[in-house]
């Protein structure tokens, strides 16, 4: 073990700054193989620790607990290492390839379920040669179709129980959303195959329909924008079920002083679900919204509720849609049902709610014009777009592939 530590110390001491492409890749390949071999030794050692009750030496009940406490592994990672060690006892081909560095720890964890107690019993009862399956999956993991390893394992496990009852797809569906201090949210969802297909199809339709020229968003950003756009479309359609007697909508609270002030005003507005956003963001949302005035007393009690004032009437929106047809930001062309009606001169600063002072902008570019970009409609009807530095964006028609 001392020699291994010395070898790693020597690697860490090497200066990489003088190396470039090919030399770096030549160094990386063996390191990845060694990483796999070390992971195999960790799994093998953990299994032996489990068989001999080594965790009890440190007063712990299981090796999973020991890995969490002493190695600082997450619960999921500790469980994965323990399962891998157990499975390798029954999967000689996988174990050999893992020990040689040809398989990653993730690939072995994917194969491991075929060696579960129930799965081994089912294979024996049906006369399935587990060794042959082990060998076949190892070859898949090392071959050009390695990305389909999980699918191959799934098909095998499904074949072990061909007469099982079809599960209710809704039982395994989960969606969790966590809000952070800055108002942003992160989430996780787990869906069955059909539910996942529906979500992917809907998101993909939005992504493929909105690929403007010069779009530098990553695929992850495009997916996230598409999800927000789907919700935007549904909220705008007004066909969602009512929520506490009113149609679901985005609620925003903002003081009048912050509404008319040109400064950013971070944390000046609060959404209906409790997020704090800047006054600038709130003014952007107010471009195409229904505004209600509430006069508050010194003790925070509402004294007067003014009537709603719709900034853009349905009739005006129809006129803007007929004239513009799509997002007017240079190079975009997102369909009108994705767009807000933007005031070229904000109504809070004296801009009229009129056809001449309006233009369609999708969410992405509506944000842009509230952060320095500018759009303008020329007398002849042509729209022009300027960057924050004053230069005009001159590109062709929207790219559609």
Protein backbone atom coordinates (compact mmCIF):
# COMPACT_ATOMS: atom_id res chain seq x y z
CA UNK A 1 0.00 0.00 0.00
CA UNK A 2 2.93 2.31 0.71
CA UNK A 3 4.25 1.80 -2.82
CA UNK A 4 0.84 2.67 -4.25
CA UNK A 5 0.72 5.88 -2.22
CA UNK A 6 4.22 6.79 -3.37
CA UNK A 7 3.23 6.22 -7.00
CA UNK A 8 0.19 8.46 -6.63
CA UNK A 9 2.34 11.13 -4.93
CA UNK A 10 4.73 10.97 -7.88
CA UNK A 11 1.87 11.41 -10.35
CA UNK A 12 0.51 14.36 -8.42
CA UNK A 13 3.93 15.99 -8.45
CA UNK A 14 4.24 15.89 -12.24
CA UNK A 15 4.05 19.25 -14.02
CA UNK A 16 1.32 19.13 -16.68
CA UNK A 17 1.67 22.69 -17.96
CA UNK A 18 4.18 21.73 -20.65
CA UNK A 19 1.98 18.94 -22.03
CA UNK A 20 -0.62 19.40 -24.77
CA UNK A 21 -3.42 17.39 -26.44
CA UNK A 22 -1.97 14.02 -27.46
CA UNK A 23 0.43 13.78 -24.53
CA UNK A 24 -2.31 14.63 -22.03
CA UNK A 25 -4.66 12.05 -23.53
CA UNK A 26 -1.93 9.41 -23.42
CA UNK A 27 -1.54 10.15 -19.72
CA UNK A 28 -5.30 10.17 -19.08
CA UNK A 29 -6.11 6.76 -20.58
CA UNK A 30 -4.02 4.68 -18.16
CA UNK A 31 -5.21 6.81 -15.23
CA UNK A 32 -8.83 5.97 -16.03
CA UNK A 33 -8.01 2.27 -16.25
CA UNK A 34 -6.19 2.44 -12.92
CA UNK A 35 -9.15 4.28 -11.41
CA UNK A 36 -11.38 1.37 -12.44
CA UNK A 37 -8.94 -1.17 -11.01
CA UNK A 38 -8.81 0.69 -7.70
CA UNK A 39 -12.62 0.82 -7.59
CA UNK A 40 -12.65 -2.96 -8.12
CA UNK A 41 -10.26 -3.43 -5.22
CA UNK A 42 -12.38 -1.18 -3.02
CA UNK A 43 -15.51 -3.23 -3.80
CA UNK A 44 -13.67 -6.52 -3.20
CA UNK A 45 -12.25 -5.28 0.09
CA UNK A 46 -15.60 -3.92 1.25
CA UNK A 47 -17.17 -7.31 0.57
CA UNK A 48 -14.51 -9.08 2.59
CA UNK A 49 -15.02 -6.56 5.39
CA UNK A 50 -18.72 -7.37 5.29
CA UNK A 51 -18.12 -11.12 5.42
CA UNK A 52 -15.78 -10.81 8.42
CA UNK A 53 -17.82 -8.20 10.30
CA UNK A 54 -15.00 -5.64 10.17
CA UNK A 55 -17.34 -2.69 10.73
CA UNK A 56 -17.99 -3.95 14.27
CA UNK A 57 -14.33 -3.18 15.05
CA UNK A 58 -15.25 0.52 14.83
CA UNK A 59 -18.57 0.02 16.59
CA UNK A 60 -20.69 0.18 13.45
CA UNK A 61 -23.37 -2.24 12.35
CA UNK A 62 -22.67 -2.41 8.61
CA UNK A 63 -20.11 -1.53 5.98
CA UNK A 64 -22.57 0.91 4.44
CA UNK A 65 -22.58 2.80 7.73
CA UNK A 66 -18.78 2.62 7.91
CA UNK A 67 -18.42 4.01 4.38
CA UNK A 68 -20.78 6.87 5.19
CA UNK A 69 -19.04 7.78 8.43
CA UNK A 70 -15.37 7.06 7.68
CA UNK A 71 -15.15 7.51 3.91
CA UNK A 72 -17.78 10.31 3.78
CA UNK A 73 -19.69 8.57 1.01
CA UNK A 74 -23.30 9.48 0.41
CA UNK A 75 -25.96 6.96 1.39
CA UNK A 76 -26.52 6.04 -2.26
CA UNK A 77 -22.82 5.69 -3.05
CA UNK A 78 -22.12 3.58 0.03
CA UNK A 79 -25.00 1.25 -0.85
CA UNK A 80 -23.73 1.00 -4.43
CA UNK A 81 -20.24 -0.10 -3.32
CA UNK A 82 -21.70 -2.72 -0.96
CA UNK A 83 -24.05 -4.09 -3.65
CA UNK A 84 -21.20 -4.21 -6.14
CA UNK A 85 -19.01 -6.22 -3.79
CA UNK A 86 -21.80 -8.73 -3.21
CA UNK A 87 -22.63 -9.06 -6.90
CA UNK A 88 -19.06 -9.64 -8.04
CA UNK A 89 -18.99 -12.95 -6.15
CA UNK A 90 -21.51 -14.31 -8.67
CA UNK A 91 -20.30 -12.52 -11.81
CA UNK A 92 -16.82 -13.77 -12.70
CA UNK A 93 -16.67 -12.16 -16.14
CA UNK A 94 -17.70 -8.78 -14.77
CA UNK A 95 -15.30 -9.13 -11.85
CA UNK A 96 -12.37 -9.97 -14.14
CA UNK A 97 -13.03 -7.07 -16.52
CA UNK A 98 -13.47 -4.70 -13.56
CA UNK A 99 -10.19 -5.85 -12.03
CA UNK A 100 -8.45 -5.32 -15.38
CA UNK A 101 -9.75 -1.75 -15.54
CA UNK A 102 -11.95 -2.40 -18.57
CA UNK A 103 -15.23 -1.58 -16.79
CA UNK A 104 -16.16 1.47 -14.75
CA UNK A 105 -17.71 1.35 -11.31
CA UNK A 106 -20.91 2.74 -12.81
CA UNK A 107 -21.10 -0.03 -15.41
CA UNK A 108 -20.58 -2.71 -12.77
CA UNK A 109 -23.31 -1.15 -10.64
CA UNK A 110 -25.61 -1.34 -13.66
CA UNK A 111 -24.90 -5.05 -14.16
CA UNK A 112 -25.02 -5.92 -10.44
CA UNK A 113 -28.84 -6.32 -10.13
CA UNK A 114 -28.76 -9.51 -12.21
CA UNK A 115 -26.90 -11.15 -9.31
CA UNK A 116 -29.48 -10.34 -6.65
CA UNK A 117 -30.75 -13.26 -4.60
CA UNK A 118 -34.22 -13.25 -6.13
CA UNK A 119 -32.81 -12.81 -9.64
CA UNK A 120 -30.38 -15.72 -9.23
CA UNK A 121 -33.18 -17.93 -7.97
CA UNK A 122 -35.41 -16.99 -10.92
CA UNK A 123 -32.58 -17.66 -13.37
CA UNK A 124 -31.91 -21.09 -11.85
CA UNK A 125 -35.60 -22.01 -11.89
CA UNK A 126 -35.85 -21.14 -15.58
CA UNK A 127 -32.61 -22.82 -16.56
CA UNK A 128 -30.89 -19.57 -17.47
CA UNK A 129 -27.09 -19.72 -17.59
CA UNK A 130 -26.15 -16.72 -15.44
CA UNK A 131 -22.52 -17.07 -16.52
CA UNK A 132 -23.45 -16.63 -20.17
CA UNK A 133 -25.55 -13.57 -19.35
CA UNK A 134 -22.68 -12.18 -17.28
CA UNK A 135 -20.28 -12.64 -20.19
CA UNK A 136 -22.68 -11.12 -22.71
CA UNK A 137 -23.32 -8.02 -20.61
CA UNK A 138 -19.60 -7.57 -20.01
CA UNK A 139 -19.06 -7.58 -23.75
CA UNK A 140 -21.82 -5.01 -24.23
CA UNK A 141 -20.24 -2.78 -21.57
CA UNK A 142 -16.89 -2.86 -23.38
CA UNK A 143 -18.22 -2.56 -26.91
CA UNK A 144 -19.52 0.24 -29.13
CA UNK A 145 -23.05 -0.24 -27.76
CA UNK A 146 -21.97 0.43 -24.15
CA UNK A 147 -24.57 3.20 -23.80
CA UNK A 148 -27.28 0.53 -24.10
CA UNK A 149 -25.98 -1.50 -21.17
CA UNK A 150 -28.74 -0.37 -18.81
CA UNK A 151 -31.36 -1.21 -21.44
CA UNK A 152 -29.87 -4.70 -21.93
CA UNK A 153 -29.91 -5.34 -18.18
CA UNK A 154 -33.49 -4.13 -17.98
CA UNK A 155 -34.62 -6.45 -20.78
CA UNK A 156 -32.97 -9.40 -19.05
CA UNK A 157 -34.60 -8.66 -15.70
CA UNK A 158 -37.98 -8.19 -17.38
CA UNK A 159 -37.60 -11.56 -19.09
CA UNK A 160 -37.05 -13.26 -15.72
CA UNK A 161 -40.60 -12.29 -14.70
CA UNK A 162 -42.61 -12.37 -17.94
CA UNK A 163 -45.94 -13.05 -16.25
CA UNK A 164 -45.72 -10.38 -13.58
CA UNK A 165 -48.60 -7.94 -13.19
CA UNK A 166 -48.21 -4.70 -15.07
CA UNK A 167 -47.50 -2.01 -12.45
CA UNK A 168 -49.60 1.12 -12.16
CA UNK A 169 -47.40 3.77 -13.83
CA UNK A 170 -48.61 6.47 -11.44
CA UNK A 171 -47.35 4.64 -8.36
CA UNK A 172 -43.71 5.33 -9.15
CA UNK A 173 -44.07 8.94 -10.27
CA UNK A 174 -42.47 11.56 -8.06
CA UNK A 175 -41.88 15.30 -8.38
CA UNK A 176 -40.15 17.39 -5.74
CA UNK A 177 -39.37 21.10 -5.90
CA UNK A 178 -37.05 22.90 -3.47
CA UNK A 179 -36.89 26.70 -3.21
CA UNK A 180 -33.60 28.40 -2.33
CA UNK A 181 -32.86 31.65 -0.54
CA UNK A 182 -32.57 33.63 -3.78
CA UNK A 183 -35.98 32.43 -4.99
CA UNK A 184 -34.58 29.98 -7.53
CA UNK A 185 -35.83 26.41 -7.48
CA UNK A 186 -34.32 23.01 -8.13
CA UNK A 187 -36.20 19.77 -8.46
CA UNK A 188 -36.19 16.12 -9.27
CA UNK A 189 -38.75 13.94 -10.96
CA UNK A 190 -39.06 10.19 -11.43
CA UNK A 191 -41.38 8.98 -14.18
CA UNK A 192 -42.36 5.68 -15.73
CA UNK A 193 -41.36 5.03 -19.35
CA UNK A 194 -44.61 6.33 -20.85
CA UNK A 195 -44.79 9.39 -18.62
CA UNK A 196 -41.17 10.18 -19.37
CA UNK A 197 -41.81 9.82 -23.10
CA UNK A 198 -44.66 12.34 -22.90
CA UNK A 199 -42.52 14.88 -21.05
CA UNK A 200 -39.58 14.42 -23.43
CA UNK A 201 -41.83 14.75 -26.48
CA UNK A 202 -43.38 17.97 -25.19
CA UNK A 203 -40.03 19.54 -24.25
CA UNK A 204 -38.41 18.44 -27.50
CA UNK A 205 -41.19 20.04 -29.53
CA UNK A 206 -40.50 23.39 -27.86
CA UNK A 207 -36.73 23.05 -28.21
CA UNK A 208 -36.84 22.19 -31.90
CA UNK A 209 -39.32 24.96 -32.66
CA UNK A 210 -37.12 27.61 -31.03
CA UNK A 211 -33.63 27.43 -32.55
CA UNK A 212 -32.83 31.00 -33.59
CA UNK A 213 -29.66 31.87 -35.43
CA UNK A 214 -26.78 32.53 -33.03
CA UNK A 215 -28.37 30.66 -30.12
CA UNK A 216 -25.52 29.83 -27.72
CA UNK A 217 -27.58 28.12 -25.01
CA UNK A 218 -26.51 24.68 -23.85
CA UNK A 219 -28.89 21.78 -24.31
CA UNK A 220 -29.65 21.85 -20.57
CA UNK A 221 -30.59 25.53 -20.81
CA UNK A 222 -32.77 24.85 -23.84
CA UNK A 223 -34.61 22.10 -21.95
CA UNK A 224 -35.18 24.35 -18.95
CA UNK A 225 -36.44 27.21 -21.14
CA UNK A 226 -38.77 24.76 -22.89
CA UNK A 227 -40.24 23.59 -19.57
CA UNK A 228 -40.94 27.17 -18.51
CA UNK A 229 -42.44 27.88 -21.94
CA UNK A 230 -44.80 24.91 -21.64
CA UNK A 231 -46.05 26.25 -18.32
CA UNK A 232 -46.29 29.74 -19.80
CA UNK A 233 -48.44 28.43 -22.65
CA UNK A 234 -50.79 26.60 -20.30
CA UNK A 235 -51.15 29.56 -17.95
CA UNK A 236 -51.79 31.91 -20.86
CA UNK A 237 -54.40 29.56 -22.37
CA UNK A 238 -56.57 29.92 -19.26
CA UNK A 239 -57.66 26.29 -19.43
CA UNK A 240 -56.03 25.06 -16.22
CA UNK A 241 -58.25 24.15 -13.24
CA UNK A 242 -59.12 27.06 -10.95
CA UNK A 243 -57.00 27.55 -7.85
CA UNK A 244 -58.95 28.84 -4.85
CA UNK A 245 -61.74 30.22 -7.09
CA UNK A 246 -59.39 31.98 -9.53
CA UNK A 247 -57.46 30.85 -12.56
CA UNK A 248 -53.84 29.99 -11.74
CA UNK A 249 -51.50 32.88 -12.43
CA UNK A 250 -48.22 34.43 -11.33
CA UNK A 251 -48.79 36.78 -8.38
CA UNK A 252 -46.32 39.56 -7.70
CA UNK A 253 -46.17 42.21 -4.97
CA UNK A 254 -44.18 45.41 -5.60
CA UNK A 255 -44.19 48.83 -3.95
CA UNK A 256 -45.04 51.76 -6.21
CA UNK A 257 -41.72 53.50 -5.54
CA UNK A 258 -39.82 50.44 -6.73
CA UNK A 259 -42.09 50.11 -9.76
CA UNK A 260 -41.29 53.60 -11.08
CA UNK A 261 -37.63 53.64 -10.02
CA UNK A 262 -35.14 52.78 -12.77
CA UNK A 263 -32.73 50.99 -10.38
CA UNK A 264 -32.50 47.22 -10.18
CA UNK A 265 -33.86 47.05 -6.64
CA UNK A 266 -32.73 43.51 -5.72
CA UNK A 267 -35.19 41.65 -3.53
CA UNK A 268 -37.83 44.38 -3.91
CA UNK A 269 -40.71 42.18 -5.09
CA UNK A 270 -42.25 39.01 -3.74
CA UNK A 271 -44.01 36.30 -5.76
CA UNK A 272 -47.10 34.42 -4.71
CA UNK A 273 -45.07 31.36 -3.66
CA UNK A 274 -42.69 33.48 -1.58
CA UNK A 275 -39.68 34.09 -3.83
CA UNK A 276 -37.90 37.44 -3.67
CA UNK A 277 -37.03 38.98 -7.06
CA UNK A 278 -35.60 42.30 -8.16
CA UNK A 279 -37.67 45.33 -9.07
CA UNK A 280 -36.23 45.16 -12.59
CA UNK A 281 -37.50 41.60 -12.97
CA UNK A 282 -40.88 42.68 -11.61
CA UNK A 283 -41.12 45.54 -14.10
CA UNK A 284 -40.40 43.06 -16.89
CA UNK A 285 -43.27 40.83 -15.70
CA UNK A 286 -45.55 43.85 -15.52
CA UNK A 287 -45.20 44.49 -19.26
CA UNK A 288 -48.13 42.20 -20.08
CA UNK A 289 -50.02 41.78 -16.82
CA UNK A 290 -53.07 42.75 -14.84
CA UNK A 291 -52.18 45.39 -12.22
CA UNK A 292 -54.10 45.81 -8.96
CA UNK A 293 -53.60 48.75 -6.62
CA UNK A 294 -53.72 48.09 -2.86
CA UNK A 295 -53.39 51.03 -0.45
CA UNK A 296 -51.81 49.88 2.85
CA UNK A 297 -52.24 51.50 6.24
CA UNK A 298 -49.34 52.16 8.66
CA UNK A 299 -50.06 48.87 10.43
CA UNK A 300 -49.83 46.90 7.18
CA UNK A 301 -53.59 46.41 6.81
CA UNK A 302 -55.06 46.98 3.31
CA UNK A 303 -57.24 50.11 3.29
CA UNK A 304 -58.32 50.22 -0.34
CA UNK A 305 -58.38 47.71 -3.17
CA UNK A 306 -58.33 49.37 -6.59
CA UNK A 307 -59.78 47.74 -9.66
CA UNK A 308 -57.58 45.68 -11.95
CA UNK A 309 -55.97 47.64 -14.75
CA UNK A 310 -55.09 45.49 -17.71
CA UNK A 311 -52.00 46.88 -19.34
CA UNK A 312 -52.65 45.10 -22.65
CA UNK A 313 -56.26 44.43 -23.58
CA UNK A 314 -57.23 41.26 -25.46
CA UNK A 315 -58.13 43.38 -28.48
CA UNK A 316 -54.77 45.14 -28.51
CA UNK A 317 -52.94 41.84 -28.21
CA UNK A 318 -54.82 40.51 -31.24
CA UNK A 319 -53.74 43.56 -33.21
CA UNK A 320 -50.10 43.18 -32.15
CA UNK A 321 -50.16 39.48 -33.04
CA UNK A 322 -51.67 40.22 -36.45
CA UNK A 323 -49.01 42.82 -37.17
CA UNK A 324 -45.89 41.09 -35.76
CA UNK A 325 -46.77 37.41 -36.04
CA UNK A 326 -43.83 36.25 -33.91
CA UNK A 327 -41.05 37.47 -31.62
CA UNK A 328 -39.56 40.61 -33.18
CA UNK A 329 -36.07 40.24 -31.65
CA UNK A 330 -33.51 39.88 -34.44
CA UNK A 331 -33.03 36.26 -35.45
CA UNK A 332 -35.71 34.75 -33.23
CA UNK A 333 -39.18 34.34 -34.72
CA UNK A 334 -40.65 32.38 -31.79
CA UNK A 335 -44.42 31.91 -32.34
CA UNK A 336 -46.77 34.55 -30.98
CA UNK A 337 -48.34 32.21 -28.41
CA UNK A 338 -44.95 32.09 -26.67
CA UNK A 339 -44.71 35.87 -26.53
CA UNK A 340 -45.57 38.75 -24.21
CA UNK A 341 -46.63 42.15 -25.49
CA UNK A 342 -43.74 44.44 -24.61
CA UNK A 343 -44.04 48.20 -24.19
CA UNK A 344 -41.26 49.81 -26.22
CA UNK A 345 -41.48 52.74 -23.81
CA UNK A 346 -42.56 51.26 -20.48
CA UNK A 347 -46.02 52.35 -19.36
CA UNK A 348 -44.60 53.18 -15.92
CA UNK A 349 -42.44 55.80 -17.64
CA UNK A 350 -45.18 57.37 -19.70
CA UNK A 351 -45.37 54.89 -22.56
CA UNK A 352 -48.82 54.48 -24.06
CA UNK A 353 -50.65 51.17 -24.16
CA UNK A 354 -51.04 51.29 -27.92
CA UNK A 355 -50.23 49.34 -31.04
CA UNK A 356 -47.44 51.75 -31.97
CA UNK A 357 -45.77 51.27 -28.58
CA UNK A 358 -46.05 47.48 -28.51
CA UNK A 359 -44.09 44.54 -29.84
CA UNK A 360 -44.09 40.77 -29.37
CA UNK A 361 -41.15 39.27 -27.46
CA UNK A 362 -40.63 35.71 -26.27
CA UNK A 363 -39.59 35.18 -22.65
CA UNK A 364 -35.89 34.91 -23.46
CA UNK A 365 -35.76 38.13 -25.46
CA UNK A 366 -38.21 39.97 -23.23
CA UNK A 367 -35.60 39.46 -20.54
CA UNK A 368 -32.88 40.71 -22.88
CA UNK A 369 -34.59 44.03 -23.59
CA UNK A 370 -34.94 44.62 -19.86
CA UNK A 371 -31.19 44.10 -19.53
CA UNK A 372 -29.81 46.55 -22.06
CA UNK A 373 -30.94 45.29 -25.46
CA UNK A 374 -33.39 47.44 -27.45
CA UNK A 375 -35.89 46.80 -30.22
CA UNK A 376 -37.40 49.44 -32.46
CA UNK A 377 -39.96 49.37 -35.25
CA UNK A 378 -39.10 51.57 -38.22
CA UNK A 379 -41.81 53.54 -40.04
CA UNK A 380 -41.70 51.04 -42.89
CA UNK A 381 -42.52 48.21 -40.49
CA UNK A 382 -39.06 46.61 -40.19
CA UNK A 383 -37.90 45.72 -36.69
CA UNK A 384 -34.33 46.42 -35.64
CA UNK A 385 -32.43 45.21 -32.56
CA UNK A 386 -29.51 46.83 -30.76
CA UNK A 387 -27.09 45.37 -28.26
CA UNK A 388 -26.37 47.09 -24.92
CA UNK A 389 -23.20 48.61 -26.43
CA UNK A 390 -25.28 50.35 -29.12
CA UNK A 391 -24.31 48.12 -32.05
CA UNK A 392 -27.11 46.71 -34.18
CA UNK A 393 -27.66 42.98 -34.54
CA UNK A 394 -27.58 42.29 -38.26
CA UNK A 395 -28.44 38.70 -39.07
CA UNK A 396 -30.65 36.87 -41.52
CA UNK A 397 -33.97 35.17 -41.06
CA UNK A 398 -34.50 32.68 -38.20
CA UNK A 399 -32.73 29.36 -38.66
CA UNK A 400 -35.01 26.36 -38.85
CA UNK A 401 -33.39 22.96 -39.23
